[in-house]
N, C-alpha and C. Protein backbone atom coordinates (compact mmCIF):
# COMPACT_ATOMS: atom_id res chain seq x y z
N MET A 1 59.43 67.82 -60.21
CA MET A 1 60.66 68.27 -60.83
C MET A 1 61.76 67.25 -60.54
N PRO A 2 62.45 66.74 -61.58
CA PRO A 2 63.50 65.76 -61.37
C PRO A 2 64.68 66.34 -60.59
N ILE A 3 65.34 65.51 -59.79
CA ILE A 3 66.52 65.92 -59.05
C ILE A 3 67.70 66.11 -60.00
N LEU A 4 67.84 65.21 -60.97
CA LEU A 4 68.96 65.26 -61.90
C LEU A 4 68.58 66.06 -63.13
N LYS A 5 69.57 66.71 -63.74
CA LYS A 5 69.37 67.53 -64.92
C LYS A 5 70.45 67.21 -65.95
N PRO A 6 70.23 67.52 -67.22
CA PRO A 6 71.29 67.30 -68.20
C PRO A 6 72.58 67.99 -67.75
N MET A 7 73.71 67.37 -68.06
CA MET A 7 74.97 67.88 -67.55
C MET A 7 75.92 68.30 -68.66
N LYS A 8 76.95 69.06 -68.28
CA LYS A 8 78.00 69.45 -69.21
C LYS A 8 78.95 68.27 -69.39
N LYS A 9 79.66 68.26 -70.49
CA LYS A 9 80.59 67.17 -70.79
C LYS A 9 81.88 67.32 -69.99
N ASN A 10 82.42 66.20 -69.48
CA ASN A 10 83.67 66.14 -68.73
C ASN A 10 84.55 65.07 -69.34
N GLU A 11 85.81 65.01 -68.89
CA GLU A 11 86.69 63.90 -69.29
C GLU A 11 86.10 62.63 -68.69
N LEU A 12 85.98 61.60 -69.50
CA LEU A 12 85.33 60.36 -69.06
C LEU A 12 86.27 59.18 -69.19
N VAL A 13 86.10 58.20 -68.30
CA VAL A 13 86.78 56.91 -68.38
C VAL A 13 85.71 55.83 -68.43
N SER A 14 86.05 54.69 -68.98
CA SER A 14 85.08 53.61 -69.13
C SER A 14 85.04 52.71 -67.90
N ILE A 15 83.83 52.31 -67.52
CA ILE A 15 83.61 51.25 -66.53
C ILE A 15 82.52 50.36 -67.09
N SER A 16 82.39 49.18 -66.54
CA SER A 16 81.36 48.25 -67.00
C SER A 16 80.56 47.78 -65.81
N ALA A 17 79.25 47.71 -65.99
CA ALA A 17 78.38 47.23 -64.91
C ALA A 17 77.15 46.58 -65.52
N LYS A 18 76.59 45.63 -64.81
CA LYS A 18 75.35 44.99 -65.23
C LYS A 18 74.28 45.33 -64.21
N PHE A 19 73.07 45.61 -64.70
CA PHE A 19 71.94 46.00 -63.86
C PHE A 19 70.78 45.06 -64.10
N PRO A 20 69.92 44.87 -63.09
CA PRO A 20 68.68 44.14 -63.35
C PRO A 20 67.87 44.89 -64.41
N LYS A 21 67.21 44.16 -65.28
CA LYS A 21 66.45 44.78 -66.38
C LYS A 21 65.45 45.80 -65.87
N HIS A 22 64.73 45.48 -64.80
CA HIS A 22 63.71 46.41 -64.30
C HIS A 22 64.33 47.74 -63.87
N LEU A 23 65.55 47.70 -63.31
CA LEU A 23 66.21 48.92 -62.89
C LEU A 23 66.69 49.72 -64.09
N LYS A 24 67.26 49.03 -65.09
CA LYS A 24 67.69 49.70 -66.32
C LYS A 24 66.50 50.38 -66.99
N ASP A 25 65.35 49.70 -67.04
CA ASP A 25 64.15 50.28 -67.65
C ASP A 25 63.69 51.52 -66.88
N GLU A 26 63.73 51.45 -65.56
CA GLU A 26 63.31 52.60 -64.76
C GLU A 26 64.27 53.78 -64.93
N ILE A 27 65.56 53.49 -64.99
CA ILE A 27 66.53 54.55 -65.23
C ILE A 27 66.27 55.20 -66.58
N SER A 28 66.01 54.41 -67.60
CA SER A 28 65.71 54.96 -68.93
C SER A 28 64.48 55.85 -68.90
N ASP A 29 63.44 55.42 -68.21
CA ASP A 29 62.23 56.23 -68.09
C ASP A 29 62.51 57.53 -67.34
N TYR A 30 63.31 57.47 -66.29
CA TYR A 30 63.66 58.68 -65.53
C TYR A 30 64.43 59.65 -66.42
N CYS A 31 65.35 59.12 -67.21
CA CYS A 31 66.13 59.97 -68.12
C CYS A 31 65.20 60.70 -69.10
N THR A 32 64.20 60.01 -69.60
CA THR A 32 63.23 60.65 -70.49
C THR A 32 62.53 61.79 -69.76
N LEU A 33 62.06 61.55 -68.55
CA LEU A 33 61.38 62.57 -67.76
C LEU A 33 62.28 63.78 -67.52
N ALA A 34 63.55 63.53 -67.18
CA ALA A 34 64.46 64.60 -66.79
C ALA A 34 65.18 65.26 -67.96
N GLY A 35 64.99 64.75 -69.16
CA GLY A 35 65.69 65.31 -70.31
C GLY A 35 67.16 64.95 -70.35
N ILE A 36 67.51 63.86 -69.69
CA ILE A 36 68.89 63.36 -69.67
C ILE A 36 69.06 62.48 -70.90
N GLU A 37 70.11 62.74 -71.68
CA GLU A 37 70.27 62.07 -72.97
C GLU A 37 70.75 60.63 -72.87
N THR A 38 71.55 60.31 -71.84
CA THR A 38 72.12 58.97 -71.77
C THR A 38 72.05 58.41 -70.35
N THR A 39 72.04 57.10 -70.26
CA THR A 39 72.12 56.43 -68.96
C THR A 39 73.42 56.81 -68.27
N GLN A 40 74.46 57.01 -69.05
CA GLN A 40 75.75 57.42 -68.50
C GLN A 40 75.62 58.70 -67.68
N GLU A 41 74.92 59.69 -68.21
CA GLU A 41 74.72 60.95 -67.48
C GLU A 41 73.99 60.71 -66.17
N PHE A 42 72.97 59.85 -66.21
CA PHE A 42 72.23 59.52 -65.00
C PHE A 42 73.16 58.91 -63.96
N LEU A 43 73.96 57.93 -64.36
CA LEU A 43 74.83 57.23 -63.42
C LEU A 43 75.88 58.16 -62.83
N ILE A 44 76.41 59.08 -63.64
CA ILE A 44 77.38 60.04 -63.13
C ILE A 44 76.73 60.91 -62.07
N GLN A 45 75.57 61.48 -62.38
CA GLN A 45 74.93 62.39 -61.43
C GLN A 45 74.41 61.67 -60.20
N ALA A 46 73.89 60.47 -60.38
CA ALA A 46 73.42 59.70 -59.22
C ALA A 46 74.59 59.36 -58.30
N SER A 47 75.74 59.00 -58.89
CA SER A 47 76.93 58.71 -58.09
C SER A 47 77.41 59.94 -57.34
N GLU A 48 77.47 61.08 -58.03
CA GLU A 48 77.89 62.32 -57.39
C GLU A 48 76.95 62.69 -56.24
N TYR A 49 75.67 62.48 -56.44
CA TYR A 49 74.67 62.79 -55.41
C TYR A 49 74.90 61.93 -54.17
N VAL A 50 75.02 60.63 -54.37
CA VAL A 50 75.23 59.72 -53.24
C VAL A 50 76.52 60.06 -52.50
N LEU A 51 77.59 60.28 -53.25
CA LEU A 51 78.88 60.57 -52.62
C LEU A 51 78.87 61.90 -51.87
N SER A 52 78.08 62.86 -52.32
CA SER A 52 78.01 64.15 -51.62
C SER A 52 77.11 64.11 -50.39
N LYS A 53 76.16 63.19 -50.34
CA LYS A 53 75.20 63.12 -49.24
C LYS A 53 75.56 62.13 -48.15
N ASP A 54 76.46 61.19 -48.44
CA ASP A 54 76.85 60.18 -47.45
C ASP A 54 77.82 60.79 -46.45
N LYS A 55 77.34 61.06 -45.24
CA LYS A 55 78.15 61.74 -44.22
C LYS A 55 79.40 60.94 -43.85
N ASP A 56 79.29 59.62 -43.81
CA ASP A 56 80.45 58.79 -43.49
C ASP A 56 81.52 58.93 -44.57
N TRP A 57 81.10 58.95 -45.83
CA TRP A 57 82.04 59.09 -46.94
C TRP A 57 82.70 60.47 -46.92
N VAL A 58 81.92 61.51 -46.69
CA VAL A 58 82.45 62.87 -46.63
C VAL A 58 83.49 62.98 -45.52
N LYS A 59 83.19 62.40 -44.36
CA LYS A 59 84.14 62.42 -43.24
C LYS A 59 85.39 61.62 -43.57
N TYR A 60 85.21 60.46 -44.15
CA TYR A 60 86.33 59.61 -44.54
C TYR A 60 87.25 60.36 -45.50
N LYS A 61 86.66 61.01 -46.52
CA LYS A 61 87.47 61.77 -47.47
C LYS A 61 88.26 62.87 -46.77
N LYS A 62 87.61 63.57 -45.87
CA LYS A 62 88.26 64.65 -45.13
C LYS A 62 89.40 64.10 -44.27
N ASP A 63 89.10 63.05 -43.52
CA ASP A 63 90.09 62.46 -42.61
C ASP A 63 91.30 61.86 -43.35
N ASN A 64 91.09 61.46 -44.60
CA ASN A 64 92.14 60.81 -45.36
C ASN A 64 92.68 61.68 -46.50
N ASN A 65 92.36 62.96 -46.46
CA ASN A 65 92.84 63.92 -47.45
C ASN A 65 92.61 63.45 -48.89
N LEU A 66 91.42 62.96 -49.15
CA LEU A 66 91.07 62.50 -50.50
C LEU A 66 90.40 63.60 -51.30
């Protein structure tokens, strides 16, 4: 069962990034498996996951009222 799932639409802003081709291909394949429609959805959810699980980041946010 995939960790990420299709998501609801939110207000979005644009960013630009370049990825190694092999990683982009793997992300695309994962999106197919998980029923995620766009790479954008994957990147949003993967970012949210990392930010929620990184204990140092969570503490930093708390300590700095972010």
